[in-house]
């Protein structure tokens, strides 16, 4: 069982499951709320939850121990996350969750492309085929025919 908790695949599948229910909960929650305010509420809940997790696990870290490069990229990541959430909630306000979420998941395709372009990662032919299938699948799921 301990091996399961150490596997990245376990956490990635949990992430996908939580992302799925996030879309449903957010669609219902944003129904009579300004999308930006809904994003703000969501952010406060996340901050509180993470504060509790850090306290419970004793994982707080002194900000002084973080390198400048890490601060820069964590800040950029936070800004990108915020922008993503604002756009996601606006899309959910305007569209159906079953169509918005697949388009949002095109991020998988973009991560593969950016990983190769900027991080020097290498994908095999089967990997690229999977990326193409994810992209095509997302578009097909979002298509209203």
C-alpha atoms as a PDB file:
ATOM      1  CA  UNK A   1       0.000   0.000   0.000  1.00  0.00           C
ATOM      2  CA  UNK A   2       2.888   2.364   0.801  1.00  0.00           C
ATOM      3  CA  UNK A   3       4.181   1.871  -2.763  1.00  0.00           C
ATOM      4  CA  UNK A   4       0.846   3.128  -4.091  1.00  0.00           C
ATOM      5  CA  UNK A   5       1.217   6.418  -2.206  1.00  0.00           C
ATOM      6  CA  UNK A   6       4.721   6.857  -3.634  1.00  0.00           C
ATOM      7  CA  UNK A   7       3.654   6.362  -7.266  1.00  0.00           C
ATOM      8  CA  UNK A   8       3.168   9.429  -9.423  1.00  0.00           C
ATOM      9  CA  UNK A   9       0.464   7.582 -11.356  1.00  0.00           C
ATOM     10  CA  UNK A  10      -1.688   7.284  -8.211  1.00  0.00           C
ATOM     11  CA  UNK A  11      -1.513  11.016  -7.563  1.00  0.00           C
ATOM     12  CA  UNK A  12      -2.085  11.866 -11.235  1.00  0.00           C
ATOM     13  CA  UNK A  13      -5.257   9.736 -11.288  1.00  0.00           C
ATOM     14  CA  UNK A  14      -6.465  11.381  -8.082  1.00  0.00           C
ATOM     15  CA  UNK A  15      -5.751  14.757  -9.672  1.00  0.00           C
ATOM     16  CA  UNK A  16      -7.880  13.811 -12.681  1.00  0.00           C
ATOM     17  CA  UNK A  17     -10.723  12.631 -10.451  1.00  0.00           C
ATOM     18  CA  UNK A  18     -10.646  15.815  -8.379  1.00  0.00           C
ATOM     19  CA  UNK A  19     -10.438  17.927 -11.546  1.00  0.00           C
ATOM     20  CA  UNK A  20     -13.554  16.174 -12.862  1.00  0.00           C
ATOM     21  CA  UNK A  21     -15.624  16.886  -9.762  1.00  0.00           C
ATOM     22  CA  UNK A  22     -14.158  20.391  -9.650  1.00  0.00           C
ATOM     23  CA  UNK A  23     -15.756  21.121 -13.020  1.00  0.00           C
ATOM     24  CA  UNK A  24     -19.146  19.878 -11.853  1.00  0.00           C
ATOM     25  CA  UNK A  25     -19.003  21.677  -8.493  1.00  0.00           C
ATOM     26  CA  UNK A  26     -17.755  24.887 -10.136  1.00  0.00           C
ATOM     27  CA  UNK A  27     -20.482  24.847 -12.798  1.00  0.00           C
ATOM     28  CA  UNK A  28     -23.177  24.571 -10.120  1.00  0.00           C
ATOM     29  CA  UNK A  29     -21.434  27.083  -7.843  1.00  0.00           C
ATOM     30  CA  UNK A  30     -20.883  29.753 -10.479  1.00  0.00           C
ATOM     31  CA  UNK A  31     -24.547  29.662 -11.527  1.00  0.00           C
ATOM     32  CA  UNK A  32     -25.611  32.853  -9.686  1.00  0.00           C
ATOM     33  CA  UNK A  33     -22.180  34.265  -8.832  1.00  0.00           C
ATOM     34  CA  UNK A  34     -19.788  36.517 -10.707  1.00  0.00           C
ATOM     35  CA  UNK A  35     -17.126  34.260 -12.238  1.00  0.00           C
ATOM     36  CA  UNK A  36     -14.228  36.329 -10.859  1.00  0.00           C
ATOM     37  CA  UNK A  37     -15.705  36.330  -7.351  1.00  0.00           C
ATOM     38  CA  UNK A  38     -16.213  32.569  -7.617  1.00  0.00           C
ATOM     39  CA  UNK A  39     -12.521  32.223  -8.475  1.00  0.00           C
ATOM     40  CA  UNK A  40     -11.656  34.346  -5.435  1.00  0.00           C
ATOM     41  CA  UNK A  41     -13.737  32.124  -3.127  1.00  0.00           C
ATOM     42  CA  UNK A  42     -12.146  29.002  -4.606  1.00  0.00           C
ATOM     43  CA  UNK A  43      -8.686  30.477  -4.025  1.00  0.00           C
ATOM     44  CA  UNK A  44      -9.449  31.263  -0.368  1.00  0.00           C
ATOM     45  CA  UNK A  45     -10.634  27.695   0.186  1.00  0.00           C
ATOM     46  CA  UNK A  46      -7.448  26.334  -1.393  1.00  0.00           C
ATOM     47  CA  UNK A  47      -5.240  28.596   0.741  1.00  0.00           C
ATOM     48  CA  UNK A  48      -7.026  27.478   3.916  1.00  0.00           C
ATOM     49  CA  UNK A  49      -6.870  23.790   2.949  1.00  0.00           C
ATOM     50  CA  UNK A  50      -3.174  23.951   2.090  1.00  0.00           C
ATOM     51  CA  UNK A  51      -2.437  25.810   5.322  1.00  0.00           C
ATOM     52  CA  UNK A  52      -4.112  22.976   7.239  1.00  0.00           C
ATOM     53  CA  UNK A  53      -2.213  20.329   5.258  1.00  0.00           C
ATOM     54  CA  UNK A  54       1.133  22.068   5.857  1.00  0.00           C
ATOM     55  CA  UNK A  55       0.363  22.375   9.555  1.00  0.00           C
ATOM     56  CA  UNK A  56      -0.805  18.764   9.891  1.00  0.00           C
ATOM     57  CA  UNK A  57       2.238  17.384   8.079  1.00  0.00           C
ATOM     58  CA  UNK A  58       4.756  19.821   9.565  1.00  0.00           C
ATOM     59  CA  UNK A  59       5.828  20.747   6.054  1.00  0.00           C
ATOM     60  CA  UNK A  60       6.056  24.525   6.488  1.00  0.00           C
ATOM     61  CA  UNK A  61       9.292  25.865   5.015  1.00  0.00           C
ATOM     62  CA  UNK A  62      11.088  29.113   5.675  1.00  0.00           C
ATOM     63  CA  UNK A  63      10.776  31.419   2.665  1.00  0.00           C
ATOM     64  CA  UNK A  64      14.475  32.241   3.115  1.00  0.00           C
ATOM     65  CA  UNK A  65      15.363  28.668   2.093  1.00  0.00           C
ATOM     66  CA  UNK A  66      13.836  29.104  -1.362  1.00  0.00           C
ATOM     67  CA  UNK A  67      16.208  30.097  -4.183  1.00  0.00           C
ATOM     68  CA  UNK A  68      15.482  33.200  -6.250  1.00  0.00           C
ATOM     69  CA  UNK A  69      14.939  31.124  -9.407  1.00  0.00           C
ATOM     70  CA  UNK A  70      12.360  29.000  -7.585  1.00  0.00           C
ATOM     71  CA  UNK A  71      10.592  32.133  -6.310  1.00  0.00           C
ATOM     72  CA  UNK A  72      10.461  33.512  -9.848  1.00  0.00           C
ATOM     73  CA  UNK A  73       9.052  30.365 -11.412  1.00  0.00           C
ATOM     74  CA  UNK A  74       6.632  29.644  -8.562  1.00  0.00           C
ATOM     75  CA  UNK A  75       5.373  33.223  -8.908  1.00  0.00           C
ATOM     76  CA  UNK A  76       4.987  32.823 -12.673  1.00  0.00           C
ATOM     77  CA  UNK A  77       3.237  29.486 -12.111  1.00  0.00           C
ATOM     78  CA  UNK A  78       0.864  31.116  -9.622  1.00  0.00           C
ATOM     79  CA  UNK A  79       0.078  33.900 -12.070  1.00  0.00           C
ATOM     80  CA  UNK A  80      -0.582  31.375 -14.836  1.00  0.00           C
ATOM     81  CA  UNK A  81      -2.775  29.328 -12.487  1.00  0.00           C
ATOM     82  CA  UNK A  82      -4.763  32.422 -11.565  1.00  0.00           C
ATOM     83  CA  UNK A  83      -5.221  33.358 -15.208  1.00  0.00           C
ATOM     84  CA  UNK A  84      -6.254  29.790 -16.012  1.00  0.00           C
ATOM     85  CA  UNK A  85      -8.816  29.748 -13.203  1.00  0.00           C
ATOM     86  CA  UNK A  86     -10.288  33.122 -14.198  1.00  0.00           C
ATOM     87  CA  UNK A  87     -10.655  31.947 -17.798  1.00  0.00           C
ATOM     88  CA  UNK A  88     -12.007  28.542 -16.722  1.00  0.00           C
ATOM     89  CA  UNK A  89     -14.693  30.014 -14.477  1.00  0.00           C
ATOM     90  CA  UNK A  90     -15.748  32.478 -17.174  1.00  0.00           C
ATOM     91  CA  UNK A  91     -15.971  29.623 -19.671  1.00  0.00           C
ATOM     92  CA  UNK A  92     -18.055  27.584 -17.190  1.00  0.00           C
ATOM     93  CA  UNK A  93     -20.338  30.574 -16.617  1.00  0.00           C
ATOM     94  CA  UNK A  94     -20.984  30.775 -20.359  1.00  0.00           C
ATOM     95  CA  UNK A  95     -20.826  27.141 -21.458  1.00  0.00           C
ATOM     96  CA  UNK A  96     -21.638  23.583 -20.525  1.00  0.00           C
ATOM     97  CA  UNK A  97     -19.219  21.833 -18.159  1.00  0.00           C
ATOM     98  CA  UNK A  98     -19.150  18.788 -20.457  1.00  0.00           C
ATOM     99  CA  UNK A  99     -17.831  20.980 -23.266  1.00  0.00           C
ATOM    100  CA  UNK A 100     -15.653  23.422 -21.312  1.00  0.00           C
ATOM    101  CA  UNK A 101     -13.646  20.785 -19.417  1.00  0.00           C
ATOM    102  CA  UNK A 102     -12.402  18.899 -22.512  1.00  0.00           C
ATOM    103  CA  UNK A 103     -11.184  22.113 -24.110  1.00  0.00           C
ATOM    104  CA  UNK A 104      -9.459  22.995 -20.830  1.00  0.00           C
ATOM    105  CA  UNK A 105      -7.742  19.598 -21.001  1.00  0.00           C
ATOM    106  CA  UNK A 106      -6.070  20.619 -24.247  1.00  0.00           C
ATOM    107  CA  UNK A 107      -3.498  21.804 -21.721  1.00  0.00           C
ATOM    108  CA  UNK A 108      -2.223  18.211 -21.845  1.00  0.00           C
ATOM    109  CA  UNK A 109      -1.334  18.710 -25.504  1.00  0.00           C
ATOM    110  CA  UNK A 110       0.263  22.083 -24.792  1.00  0.00           C
ATOM    111  CA  UNK A 111       2.308  20.664 -21.892  1.00  0.00           C
ATOM    112  CA  UNK A 112       3.705  17.992 -24.213  1.00  0.00           C
ATOM    113  CA  UNK A 113       4.634  20.585 -26.844  1.00  0.00           C
ATOM    114  CA  UNK A 114       6.064  23.032 -24.280  1.00  0.00           C
ATOM    115  CA  UNK A 115       7.945  20.225 -22.490  1.00  0.00           C
ATOM    116  CA  UNK A 116       9.686  19.345 -25.735  1.00  0.00           C
ATOM    117  CA  UNK A 117      10.248  22.957 -26.822  1.00  0.00           C
ATOM    118  CA  UNK A 118      11.380  24.463 -23.508  1.00  0.00           C
ATOM    119  CA  UNK A 119      12.480  21.621 -21.230  1.00  0.00           C
ATOM    120  CA  UNK A 120      14.220  19.402 -23.761  1.00  0.00           C
ATOM    121  CA  UNK A 121      11.929  16.462 -23.063  1.00  0.00           C
ATOM    122  CA  UNK A 122      11.684  13.784 -25.723  1.00  0.00           C
ATOM    123  CA  UNK A 123       8.514  12.039 -26.809  1.00  0.00           C
ATOM    124  CA  UNK A 124       8.449   8.867 -28.880  1.00  0.00           C
ATOM    125  CA  UNK A 125       6.191   8.303 -31.868  1.00  0.00           C
ATOM    126  CA  UNK A 126       3.619   6.471 -29.688  1.00  0.00           C
ATOM    127  CA  UNK A 127       3.763   9.397 -27.220  1.00  0.00           C
ATOM    128  CA  UNK A 128       3.059  11.895 -30.009  1.00  0.00           C
ATOM    129  CA  UNK A 129       0.236   9.680 -31.270  1.00  0.00           C
ATOM    130  CA  UNK A 130      -1.262   9.775 -27.769  1.00  0.00           C
ATOM    131  CA  UNK A 131      -0.925  13.563 -27.658  1.00  0.00           C
ATOM    132  CA  UNK A 132      -2.699  13.816 -31.026  1.00  0.00           C
ATOM    133  CA  UNK A 133      -5.461  11.484 -29.808  1.00  0.00           C
ATOM    134  CA  UNK A 134      -5.947  13.570 -26.663  1.00  0.00           C
ATOM    135  CA  UNK A 135      -6.213  16.720 -28.763  1.00  0.00           C
ATOM    136  CA  UNK A 136      -8.632  15.156 -31.225  1.00  0.00           C
ATOM    137  CA  UNK A 137     -10.617  13.569 -28.403  1.00  0.00           C
ATOM    138  CA  UNK A 138     -10.964  16.860 -26.524  1.00  0.00           C
ATOM    139  CA  UNK A 139     -12.232  18.573 -29.645  1.00  0.00           C
ATOM    140  CA  UNK A 140     -14.666  15.760 -30.415  1.00  0.00           C
ATOM    141  CA  UNK A 141     -16.038  15.696 -26.857  1.00  0.00           C
ATOM    142  CA  UNK A 142     -16.540  19.464 -26.917  1.00  0.00           C
ATOM    143  CA  UNK A 143     -18.145  19.408 -30.381  1.00  0.00           C
ATOM    144  CA  UNK A 144     -21.862  19.984 -30.302  1.00  0.00           C
ATOM    145  CA  UNK A 145     -23.191  18.131 -33.291  1.00  0.00           C
END
